[in-house]
C-alpha atoms as a PDB file:
ATOM      1  CA  MET A   1     -17.979 -13.329  26.451  1.00  0.00           C
ATOM      2  CA  ASP A   2     -15.114 -15.773  26.415  1.00  0.00           C
ATOM      3  CA  LEU A   3     -13.126 -14.723  23.358  1.00  0.00           C
ATOM      4  CA  TYR A   4     -10.541 -17.503  23.456  1.00  0.00           C
ATOM      5  CA  HIS A   5     -13.195 -20.209  23.239  1.00  0.00           C
ATOM      6  CA  SER A   6     -15.317 -18.542  20.591  1.00  0.00           C
ATOM      7  CA  TRP A   7     -15.625 -19.951  17.094  1.00  0.00           C
ATOM      8  CA  VAL A   8     -14.162 -16.805  15.496  1.00  0.00           C
ATOM      9  CA  TYR A   9     -10.986 -16.957  17.552  1.00  0.00           C
ATOM     10  CA  GLU A  10     -10.445 -20.700  17.296  1.00  0.00           C
ATOM     11  CA  ARG A  11     -11.215 -21.037  13.574  1.00  0.00           C
ATOM     12  CA  LEU A  12     -10.036 -17.691  12.179  1.00  0.00           C
ATOM     13  CA  LEU A  13      -7.920 -15.443  14.369  1.00  0.00           C
ATOM     14  CA  ASN A  14      -5.763 -18.191  15.813  1.00  0.00           C
ATOM     15  CA  THR A  15      -4.786 -19.781  12.493  1.00  0.00           C
ATOM     16  CA  GLU A  16      -1.395 -19.739  10.846  1.00  0.00           C
ATOM     17  CA  TRP A  17      -2.619 -18.474   7.485  1.00  0.00           C
ATOM     18  CA  PHE A  18      -4.406 -15.516   9.112  1.00  0.00           C
ATOM     19  CA  MET A  19      -1.315 -14.520  11.086  1.00  0.00           C
ATOM     20  CA  TRP A  20       0.938 -14.693   8.001  1.00  0.00           C
ATOM     21  CA  THR A  21      -1.607 -12.660   6.017  1.00  0.00           C
ATOM     22  CA  LEU A  22      -1.564 -10.049   8.761  1.00  0.00           C
ATOM     23  CA  VAL A  23       2.252 -10.008   8.894  1.00  0.00           C
ATOM     24  CA  PHE A  24       2.643  -9.617   5.121  1.00  0.00           C
ATOM     25  CA  SER A  25      -0.045  -6.925   5.006  1.00  0.00           C
ATOM     26  CA  VAL A  26       1.676  -4.835   7.672  1.00  0.00           C
ATOM     27  CA  LEU A  27       5.066  -5.378   6.031  1.00  0.00           C
ATOM     28  CA  GLY A  28       3.714  -4.353   2.634  1.00  0.00           C
ATOM     29  CA  ILE A  29       2.095  -1.224   4.028  1.00  0.00           C
ATOM     30  CA  ASN A  30       5.341  -0.266   5.780  1.00  0.00           C
ATOM     31  CA  ILE A  31       7.369  -0.719   2.614  1.00  0.00           C
ATOM     32  CA  LEU A  32       4.902   1.075   0.330  1.00  0.00           C
ATOM     33  CA  SER A  33       3.922   3.913   2.674  1.00  0.00           C
ATOM     34  CA  PRO A  34       6.756   6.296   1.616  1.00  0.00           C
ATOM     35  CA  LEU A  35       5.697   5.918  -2.024  1.00  0.00           C
ATOM     36  CA  ILE A  36       2.047   6.492  -1.158  1.00  0.00           C
ATOM     37  CA  VAL A  37       2.859   9.604   0.889  1.00  0.00           C
ATOM     38  CA  TRP A  38       5.146  10.937  -1.854  1.00  0.00           C
ATOM     39  CA  TYR A  39       2.408  10.475  -4.436  1.00  0.00           C
ATOM     40  CA  VAL A  40      -0.252  12.166  -2.293  1.00  0.00           C
ATOM     41  CA  VAL A  41       1.947  15.097  -1.258  1.00  0.00           C
ATOM     42  CA  GLY A  42       3.712  15.993  -4.496  1.00  0.00           C
ATOM     43  CA  GLY A  43       3.912  13.090  -6.855  1.00  0.00           C
ATOM     44  CA  ARG A  44       0.944  14.037  -8.987  1.00  0.00           C
ATOM     45  CA  ARG A  45       2.500  17.403  -9.780  1.00  0.00           C
ATOM     46  CA  ALA A  46       5.885  15.841 -10.489  1.00  0.00           C
ATOM     47  CA  ILE A  47       4.377  13.226 -12.788  1.00  0.00           C
ATOM     48  CA  SER A  48       2.344  15.808 -14.706  1.00  0.00           C
ATOM     49  CA  LYS A  49       5.445  18.013 -15.009  1.00  0.00           C
ATOM     50  CA  VAL A  50       7.429  15.169 -16.565  1.00  0.00           C
ATOM     51  CA  ILE A  51       4.601  14.457 -18.996  1.00  0.00           C
ATOM     52  CA  ARG A  52       4.427  18.123 -20.031  1.00  0.00           C
ATOM     53  CA  MET A  53       8.214  18.278 -20.526  1.00  0.00           C
ATOM     54  CA  SER A  54       8.206  15.176 -22.714  1.00  0.00           C
ATOM     55  CA  LYS A  55       5.390  16.626 -24.841  1.00  0.00           C
ATOM     56  CA  ARG A  56       7.345  19.879 -25.284  1.00  0.00           C
ATOM     57  CA  GLN A  57      10.472  17.989 -26.344  1.00  0.00           C
ATOM     58  CA  ARG A  58       8.477  16.072 -28.942  1.00  0.00           C
ATOM     59  CA  SER A  59       6.911  19.235 -30.326  1.00  0.00           C
ATOM     60  CA  ASP A  60      10.320  20.975 -30.518  1.00  0.00           C
ATOM     61  CA  GLU A  61      11.722  18.248 -32.758  1.00  0.00           C
END
């Protein structure tokens, strides 16, 4: 199959808007990946701990 002369390559993969979409997607994933990893590894516990502490402070008042 001749990929470079196929309809998919000429009309989709070789377009400017597709390349910029790909670039911004990769850039966004690279910027957000530390936050995603932090949330998966320990963020849920940290967030629930903060919520519990704020509830205790309200009940102490």
